[in-house]
């Protein structure tokens, strides 16, 4: 690790109101939080000679076998190798006003935020395993859970579909996509397009579960 620079990049992951760090257990230690584990890994890398810089990478270029890494803080780092370990972020619907409502009615994590909607009505966007798992958890907390799926059927595992079929407070809207988020500063509902028909769905919260995307925009010119 001599001559290694570790750039810790904060890309603005989707915020949650009260997301707890997961716990982990190493073979050599007791149960610790994910944050503590990350700190230990950082300490280990530094003890082996790595330098750690807390900066956001905005561009990477390669010329004559050398990579140049540019950061938002206007630093430039050079090296023969760049290792990308930037993770993923939640896929959004890309609708107008969506970013402003994240944390104010729009969420991506039922474990993190489900308790805030106890006894209320929520919608889950998506029909795969992630969406169905969110719906199962939320059905234990919320008065009503409506699953909005763009297809005419659910694509998640059969055991999750069967489990949800036993929940009286779970409803489904098939063949529908979200056209608009309603609410000024706080989500109040959705406008759906169900096969050409506009449908209004009044909910207190929406959990978007349509997958994740890699955080690799800054590396597009050099990454295969």
C-alpha atoms as a PDB file:
ATOM      1  CA  UNK A   1       0.000   0.000   0.000  1.00  0.00           C
ATOM      2  CA  UNK A   2       2.996   2.323  -0.104  1.00  0.00           C
ATOM      3  CA  UNK A   3       2.159   5.351  -2.236  1.00  0.00           C
ATOM      4  CA  UNK A   4      -1.559   4.541  -2.099  1.00  0.00           C
ATOM      5  CA  UNK A   5      -4.123   7.336  -1.755  1.00  0.00           C
ATOM      6  CA  UNK A   6      -7.640   6.438  -0.626  1.00  0.00           C
ATOM      7  CA  UNK A   7     -10.234   9.001  -1.729  1.00  0.00           C
ATOM      8  CA  UNK A   8     -13.408   8.776   0.339  1.00  0.00           C
ATOM      9  CA  UNK A   9     -16.183  10.133  -1.865  1.00  0.00           C
ATOM     10  CA  UNK A  10     -19.591  11.270  -0.620  1.00  0.00           C
ATOM     11  CA  UNK A  11     -21.998  11.138  -3.561  1.00  0.00           C
ATOM     12  CA  UNK A  12     -25.207  12.155  -1.771  1.00  0.00           C
ATOM     13  CA  UNK A  13     -26.853   8.810  -1.118  1.00  0.00           C
ATOM     14  CA  UNK A  14     -30.594   8.889  -0.700  1.00  0.00           C
ATOM     15  CA  UNK A  15     -31.322  10.286   2.761  1.00  0.00           C
ATOM     16  CA  UNK A  16     -33.510   8.549   5.290  1.00  0.00           C
ATOM     17  CA  UNK A  17     -35.013  10.085   8.363  1.00  0.00           C
ATOM     18  CA  UNK A  18     -33.569   7.641  10.840  1.00  0.00           C
ATOM     19  CA  UNK A  19     -31.333   5.014   9.250  1.00  0.00           C
ATOM     20  CA  UNK A  20     -29.255   2.973  11.668  1.00  0.00           C
ATOM     21  CA  UNK A  21     -25.880   1.589  10.630  1.00  0.00           C
ATOM     22  CA  UNK A  22     -25.911  -2.207  10.278  1.00  0.00           C
ATOM     23  CA  UNK A  23     -23.862  -4.333  12.628  1.00  0.00           C
ATOM     24  CA  UNK A  24     -21.180  -6.745  11.550  1.00  0.00           C
ATOM     25  CA  UNK A  25     -18.977  -9.331  13.182  1.00  0.00           C
ATOM     26  CA  UNK A  26     -15.383 -10.028  12.240  1.00  0.00           C
ATOM     27  CA  UNK A  27     -13.554 -13.259  12.864  1.00  0.00           C
ATOM     28  CA  UNK A  28     -11.202 -11.490  15.255  1.00  0.00           C
ATOM     29  CA  UNK A  29     -13.487  -9.238  17.263  1.00  0.00           C
ATOM     30  CA  UNK A  30     -16.864  -8.730  18.893  1.00  0.00           C
ATOM     31  CA  UNK A  31     -20.032  -7.499  17.205  1.00  0.00           C
ATOM     32  CA  UNK A  32     -19.572  -3.867  16.121  1.00  0.00           C
ATOM     33  CA  UNK A  33     -21.521  -1.383  14.031  1.00  0.00           C
ATOM     34  CA  UNK A  34     -20.891  -0.944  10.321  1.00  0.00           C
ATOM     35  CA  UNK A  35     -19.483   2.531  10.993  1.00  0.00           C
ATOM     36  CA  UNK A  36     -17.001   1.169  13.530  1.00  0.00           C
ATOM     37  CA  UNK A  37     -15.968  -1.567  11.111  1.00  0.00           C
ATOM     38  CA  UNK A  38     -15.346   1.036   8.395  1.00  0.00           C
ATOM     39  CA  UNK A  39     -13.236   3.087  10.813  1.00  0.00           C
ATOM     40  CA  UNK A  40     -11.145   0.019  11.648  1.00  0.00           C
ATOM     41  CA  UNK A  41     -10.558  -0.676   7.960  1.00  0.00           C
ATOM     42  CA  UNK A  42      -9.464   2.934   7.456  1.00  0.00           C
ATOM     43  CA  UNK A  43      -7.083   2.721  10.412  1.00  0.00           C
ATOM     44  CA  UNK A  44      -5.619  -0.498   9.036  1.00  0.00           C
ATOM     45  CA  UNK A  45      -5.055   0.988   5.581  1.00  0.00           C
ATOM     46  CA  UNK A  46      -3.350   4.040   7.100  1.00  0.00           C
ATOM     47  CA  UNK A  47      -1.144   1.893   9.315  1.00  0.00           C
ATOM     48  CA  UNK A  48       0.094   0.157   6.163  1.00  0.00           C
ATOM     49  CA  UNK A  49       1.073   3.437   4.554  1.00  0.00           C
ATOM     50  CA  UNK A  50      -2.043   4.608   2.695  1.00  0.00           C
ATOM     51  CA  UNK A  51      -2.990   8.288   2.711  1.00  0.00           C
ATOM     52  CA  UNK A  52      -6.701   9.087   3.129  1.00  0.00           C
ATOM     53  CA  UNK A  53      -8.257  12.179   1.562  1.00  0.00           C
ATOM     54  CA  UNK A  54     -11.922  13.104   2.155  1.00  0.00           C
ATOM     55  CA  UNK A  55     -12.726  14.582  -1.238  1.00  0.00           C
ATOM     56  CA  UNK A  56     -15.334  14.077  -3.962  1.00  0.00           C
ATOM     57  CA  UNK A  57     -14.060  12.798  -7.302  1.00  0.00           C
ATOM     58  CA  UNK A  58     -15.619  14.549 -10.300  1.00  0.00           C
ATOM     59  CA  UNK A  59     -13.476  13.260 -13.182  1.00  0.00           C
ATOM     60  CA  UNK A  60     -10.828  10.687 -14.054  1.00  0.00           C
ATOM     61  CA  UNK A  61      -8.574  10.902 -17.108  1.00  0.00           C
ATOM     62  CA  UNK A  62      -5.920   8.571 -18.480  1.00  0.00           C
ATOM     63  CA  UNK A  63      -2.957   9.602 -20.595  1.00  0.00           C
ATOM     64  CA  UNK A  64       0.309   7.783 -21.330  1.00  0.00           C
ATOM     65  CA  UNK A  65      -0.557   5.028 -18.861  1.00  0.00           C
ATOM     66  CA  UNK A  66      -1.134   7.442 -15.961  1.00  0.00           C
ATOM     67  CA  UNK A  67      -4.486   8.198 -14.368  1.00  0.00           C
ATOM     68  CA  UNK A  68      -5.336  11.709 -13.201  1.00  0.00           C
ATOM     69  CA  UNK A  69      -8.082  11.991 -10.594  1.00  0.00           C
ATOM     70  CA  UNK A  70      -9.768  15.386 -10.243  1.00  0.00           C
ATOM     71  CA  UNK A  71     -11.807  16.311  -7.180  1.00  0.00           C
ATOM     72  CA  UNK A  72     -14.457  18.887  -6.375  1.00  0.00           C
ATOM     73  CA  UNK A  73     -11.952  20.474  -4.005  1.00  0.00           C
ATOM     74  CA  UNK A  74      -9.692  21.146  -7.038  1.00  0.00           C
ATOM     75  CA  UNK A  75      -7.076  18.565  -6.079  1.00  0.00           C
ATOM     76  CA  UNK A  76      -5.416  16.391  -8.710  1.00  0.00           C
ATOM     77  CA  UNK A  77      -4.011  12.953  -7.858  1.00  0.00           C
ATOM     78  CA  UNK A  78      -1.941  10.797 -10.194  1.00  0.00           C
ATOM     79  CA  UNK A  79      -1.304   7.065 -10.232  1.00  0.00           C
ATOM     80  CA  UNK A  80      -0.793   4.029 -12.440  1.00  0.00           C
ATOM     81  CA  UNK A  81      -3.894   2.297 -11.076  1.00  0.00           C
ATOM     82  CA  UNK A  82      -7.341   3.413  -9.938  1.00  0.00           C
ATOM     83  CA  UNK A  83      -9.544   0.984  -7.998  1.00  0.00           C
ATOM     84  CA  UNK A  84     -13.251   1.856  -8.071  1.00  0.00           C
ATOM     85  CA  UNK A  85     -15.224   0.884  -4.964  1.00  0.00           C
ATOM     86  CA  UNK A  86     -17.935   3.526  -4.934  1.00  0.00           C
ATOM     87  CA  UNK A  87     -20.989   1.328  -4.453  1.00  0.00           C
ATOM     88  CA  UNK A  88     -24.516   1.990  -5.677  1.00  0.00           C
ATOM     89  CA  UNK A  89     -27.403   4.340  -5.023  1.00  0.00           C
ATOM     90  CA  UNK A  90     -31.163   3.883  -5.144  1.00  0.00           C
ATOM     91  CA  UNK A  91     -32.749   4.320  -8.549  1.00  0.00           C
ATOM     92  CA  UNK A  92     -35.267   7.165  -8.587  1.00  0.00           C
ATOM     93  CA  UNK A  93     -38.222   7.748 -10.876  1.00  0.00           C
ATOM     94  CA  UNK A  94     -36.740  10.962 -12.230  1.00  0.00           C
ATOM     95  CA  UNK A  95     -39.919  12.969 -11.813  1.00  0.00           C
ATOM     96  CA  UNK A  96     -40.242  16.685 -11.188  1.00  0.00           C
ATOM     97  CA  UNK A  97     -40.045  17.560  -7.506  1.00  0.00           C
ATOM     98  CA  UNK A  98     -38.892  14.071  -6.507  1.00  0.00           C
ATOM     99  CA  UNK A  99     -35.585  15.144  -4.981  1.00  0.00           C
ATOM    100  CA  UNK A 100     -37.287  17.808  -2.878  1.00  0.00           C
ATOM    101  CA  UNK A 101     -39.675  15.244  -1.392  1.00  0.00           C
ATOM    102  CA  UNK A 102     -37.018  12.662  -0.503  1.00  0.00           C
ATOM    103  CA  UNK A 103     -37.133  12.508   3.287  1.00  0.00           C
ATOM    104  CA  UNK A 104     -40.474  14.352   3.221  1.00  0.00           C
ATOM    105  CA  UNK A 105     -42.723  11.525   2.139  1.00  0.00           C
ATOM    106  CA  UNK A 106     -40.479   9.692  -0.316  1.00  0.00           C
ATOM    107  CA  UNK A 107     -38.220   6.994   1.091  1.00  0.00           C
ATOM    108  CA  UNK A 108     -36.174   4.030  -0.091  1.00  0.00           C
ATOM    109  CA  UNK A 109     -35.870   2.046   3.135  1.00  0.00           C
ATOM    110  CA  UNK A 110     -38.743   0.567   5.124  1.00  0.00           C
ATOM    111  CA  UNK A 111     -36.374  -0.617   7.854  1.00  0.00           C
ATOM    112  CA  UNK A 112     -35.128   2.940   8.272  1.00  0.00           C
ATOM    113  CA  UNK A 113     -38.312   4.937   7.852  1.00  0.00           C
ATOM    114  CA  UNK A 114     -41.265   2.565   8.167  1.00  0.00           C
ATOM    115  CA  UNK A 115     -41.941   3.443  11.801  1.00  0.00           C
ATOM    116  CA  UNK A 116     -42.632   7.057  10.826  1.00  0.00           C
ATOM    117  CA  UNK A 117     -45.706   5.872   8.923  1.00  0.00           C
ATOM    118  CA  UNK A 118     -47.200   3.622  11.578  1.00  0.00           C
ATOM    119  CA  UNK A 119     -50.986   3.586  11.217  1.00  0.00           C
ATOM    120  CA  UNK A 120     -50.855   5.557   7.958  1.00  0.00           C
ATOM    121  CA  UNK A 121     -51.338   4.780   4.267  1.00  0.00           C
ATOM    122  CA  UNK A 122     -48.287   4.209   2.080  1.00  0.00           C
ATOM    123  CA  UNK A 123     -47.450   3.066  -1.445  1.00  0.00           C
ATOM    124  CA  UNK A 124     -44.587   0.846  -2.589  1.00  0.00           C
ATOM    125  CA  UNK A 125     -43.367   1.404  -6.133  1.00  0.00           C
ATOM    126  CA  UNK A 126     -42.093  -1.776  -7.774  1.00  0.00           C
ATOM    127  CA  UNK A 127     -42.948  -5.441  -8.014  1.00  0.00           C
ATOM    128  CA  UNK A 128     -39.660  -7.284  -7.530  1.00  0.00           C
ATOM    129  CA  UNK A 129     -38.144  -8.856  -4.426  1.00  0.00           C
ATOM    130  CA  UNK A 130     -37.000  -5.549  -2.930  1.00  0.00           C
ATOM    131  CA  UNK A 131     -40.450  -3.997  -3.298  1.00  0.00           C
ATOM    132  CA  UNK A 132     -42.220  -7.041  -1.884  1.00  0.00           C
ATOM    133  CA  UNK A 133     -39.880  -7.224   1.102  1.00  0.00           C
ATOM    134  CA  UNK A 134     -40.574  -3.557   1.796  1.00  0.00           C
ATOM    135  CA  UNK A 135     -44.298  -4.214   1.536  1.00  0.00           C
ATOM    136  CA  UNK A 136     -44.134  -7.129   3.979  1.00  0.00           C
ATOM    137  CA  UNK A 137     -42.403  -5.006   6.606  1.00  0.00           C
ATOM    138  CA  UNK A 138     -44.696  -2.038   6.059  1.00  0.00           C
ATOM    139  CA  UNK A 139     -47.821  -4.183   6.277  1.00  0.00           C
ATOM    140  CA  UNK A 140     -46.955  -4.833   9.926  1.00  0.00           C
ATOM    141  CA  UNK A 141     -46.817  -1.097  10.625  1.00  0.00           C
ATOM    142  CA  UNK A 142     -49.132   0.761   8.299  1.00  0.00           C
ATOM    143  CA  UNK A 143     -52.902   0.929   8.014  1.00  0.00           C
ATOM    144  CA  UNK A 144     -52.735   0.241   4.280  1.00  0.00           C
ATOM    145  CA  UNK A 145     -49.984  -0.617   1.796  1.00  0.00           C
ATOM    146  CA  UNK A 146     -50.593  -0.204  -1.933  1.00  0.00           C
ATOM    147  CA  UNK A 147     -48.137  -1.846  -4.313  1.00  0.00           C
ATOM    148  CA  UNK A 148     -47.872   0.002  -7.626  1.00  0.00           C
ATOM    149  CA  UNK A 149     -46.437  -2.215 -10.356  1.00  0.00           C
ATOM    150  CA  UNK A 150     -45.905  -1.218 -13.996  1.00  0.00           C
ATOM    151  CA  UNK A 151     -46.503  -4.785 -15.197  1.00  0.00           C
ATOM    152  CA  UNK A 152     -49.658  -6.881 -14.932  1.00  0.00           C
ATOM    153  CA  UNK A 153     -48.012  -9.224 -12.443  1.00  0.00           C
ATOM    154  CA  UNK A 154     -45.443  -9.240  -9.645  1.00  0.00           C
ATOM    155  CA  UNK A 155     -41.909 -10.364 -10.491  1.00  0.00           C
ATOM    156  CA  UNK A 156     -40.726 -11.208  -6.964  1.00  0.00           C
ATOM    157  CA  UNK A 157     -40.341 -14.645  -5.436  1.00  0.00           C
ATOM    158  CA  UNK A 158     -43.451 -16.746  -5.017  1.00  0.00           C
ATOM    159  CA  UNK A 159     -43.027 -17.054  -1.257  1.00  0.00           C
ATOM    160  CA  UNK A 160     -43.149 -13.266  -0.894  1.00  0.00           C
ATOM    161  CA  UNK A 161     -46.200 -13.038  -3.147  1.00  0.00           C
ATOM    162  CA  UNK A 162     -47.918 -15.745  -1.081  1.00  0.00           C
ATOM    163  CA  UNK A 163     -47.032 -14.031   2.179  1.00  0.00           C
ATOM    164  CA  UNK A 164     -48.456 -10.726   1.002  1.00  0.00           C
ATOM    165  CA  UNK A 165     -51.652 -12.436  -0.132  1.00  0.00           C
ATOM    166  CA  UNK A 166     -52.367 -13.203   3.526  1.00  0.00           C
ATOM    167  CA  UNK A 167     -52.199  -9.524   4.525  1.00  0.00           C
ATOM    168  CA  UNK A 168     -55.616  -7.868   4.498  1.00  0.00           C
ATOM    169  CA  UNK A 169     -54.136  -4.376   4.417  1.00  0.00           C
ATOM    170  CA  UNK A 170     -52.139  -4.854   1.188  1.00  0.00           C
ATOM    171  CA  UNK A 171     -53.644  -3.709  -2.107  1.00  0.00           C
ATOM    172  CA  UNK A 172     -52.296  -3.763  -5.678  1.00  0.00           C
ATOM    173  CA  UNK A 173     -52.454  -1.477  -8.698  1.00  0.00           C
ATOM    174  CA  UNK A 174     -51.143  -3.229 -11.800  1.00  0.00           C
ATOM    175  CA  UNK A 175     -50.139  -1.818 -15.158  1.00  0.00           C
ATOM    176  CA  UNK A 176     -49.514   1.617 -13.679  1.00  0.00           C
ATOM    177  CA  UNK A 177     -46.634   4.056 -13.567  1.00  0.00           C
ATOM    178  CA  UNK A 178     -46.171   7.115 -11.381  1.00  0.00           C
ATOM    179  CA  UNK A 179     -46.723  10.248 -13.421  1.00  0.00           C
ATOM    180  CA  UNK A 180     -46.520  12.886 -10.699  1.00  0.00           C
ATOM    181  CA  UNK A 181     -45.837  13.359  -7.002  1.00  0.00           C
ATOM    182  CA  UNK A 182     -48.340  15.554  -5.165  1.00  0.00           C
ATOM    183  CA  UNK A 183     -47.475  17.839  -2.293  1.00  0.00           C
ATOM    184  CA  UNK A 184     -45.673  21.082  -1.570  1.00  0.00           C
ATOM    185  CA  UNK A 185     -42.821  20.361   0.826  1.00  0.00           C
ATOM    186  CA  UNK A 186     -44.565  17.205   2.089  1.00  0.00           C
ATOM    187  CA  UNK A 187     -45.908  14.334  -0.003  1.00  0.00           C
ATOM    188  CA  UNK A 188     -49.698  14.022  -0.093  1.00  0.00           C
ATOM    189  CA  UNK A 189     -50.265  11.575  -2.925  1.00  0.00           C
ATOM    190  CA  UNK A 190     -49.552  10.342  -6.441  1.00  0.00           C
ATOM    191  CA  UNK A 191     -50.970  10.664  -9.908  1.00  0.00           C
ATOM    192  CA  UNK A 192     -50.735   7.307 -11.690  1.00  0.00           C
ATOM    193  CA  UNK A 193     -51.070   6.466 -15.358  1.00  0.00           C
ATOM    194  CA  UNK A 194     -52.831   3.111 -15.487  1.00  0.00           C
ATOM    195  CA  UNK A 195     -52.927   2.092 -19.127  1.00  0.00           C
ATOM    196  CA  UNK A 196     -53.899   5.574 -20.233  1.00  0.00           C
ATOM    197  CA  UNK A 197     -56.243   6.336 -17.342  1.00  0.00           C
ATOM    198  CA  UNK A 198     -55.176   8.882 -14.738  1.00  0.00           C
ATOM    199  CA  UNK A 199     -55.614   7.624 -11.172  1.00  0.00           C
ATOM    200  CA  UNK A 200     -55.098   9.652  -8.008  1.00  0.00           C
ATOM    201  CA  UNK A 201     -53.736   7.791  -4.990  1.00  0.00           C
ATOM    202  CA  UNK A 202     -53.699   9.664  -1.680  1.00  0.00           C
ATOM    203  CA  UNK A 203     -50.912   8.369   0.577  1.00  0.00           C
ATOM    204  CA  UNK A 204     -48.810   9.641   3.448  1.00  0.00           C
ATOM    205  CA  UNK A 205     -45.599   8.071   2.202  1.00  0.00           C
ATOM    206  CA  UNK A 206     -44.045   6.370  -0.827  1.00  0.00           C
ATOM    207  CA  UNK A 207     -41.293   3.753  -0.767  1.00  0.00           C
ATOM    208  CA  UNK A 208     -39.507   3.564  -4.124  1.00  0.00           C
ATOM    209  CA  UNK A 209     -38.051   0.077  -4.691  1.00  0.00           C
ATOM    210  CA  UNK A 210     -37.113  -0.158  -8.354  1.00  0.00           C
ATOM    211  CA  UNK A 211     -33.498  -1.228  -7.986  1.00  0.00           C
ATOM    212  CA  UNK A 212     -30.114   0.395  -7.649  1.00  0.00           C
ATOM    213  CA  UNK A 213     -27.612   1.954 -10.035  1.00  0.00           C
ATOM    214  CA  UNK A 214     -23.811   2.141  -9.769  1.00  0.00           C
ATOM    215  CA  UNK A 215     -22.298   5.479  -8.793  1.00  0.00           C
ATOM    216  CA  UNK A 216     -19.911   5.548 -11.748  1.00  0.00           C
ATOM    217  CA  UNK A 217     -20.700   8.694 -13.740  1.00  0.00           C
ATOM    218  CA  UNK A 218     -17.351  10.278 -12.914  1.00  0.00           C
ATOM    219  CA  UNK A 219     -15.518   7.263 -14.326  1.00  0.00           C
ATOM    220  CA  UNK A 220     -17.424   6.735 -17.573  1.00  0.00           C
ATOM    221  CA  UNK A 221     -14.539   7.869 -19.838  1.00  0.00           C
ATOM    222  CA  UNK A 222     -12.054   5.341 -18.397  1.00  0.00           C
ATOM    223  CA  UNK A 223     -14.108   2.451 -16.974  1.00  0.00           C
ATOM    224  CA  UNK A 224     -15.202  -0.441 -19.161  1.00  0.00           C
END
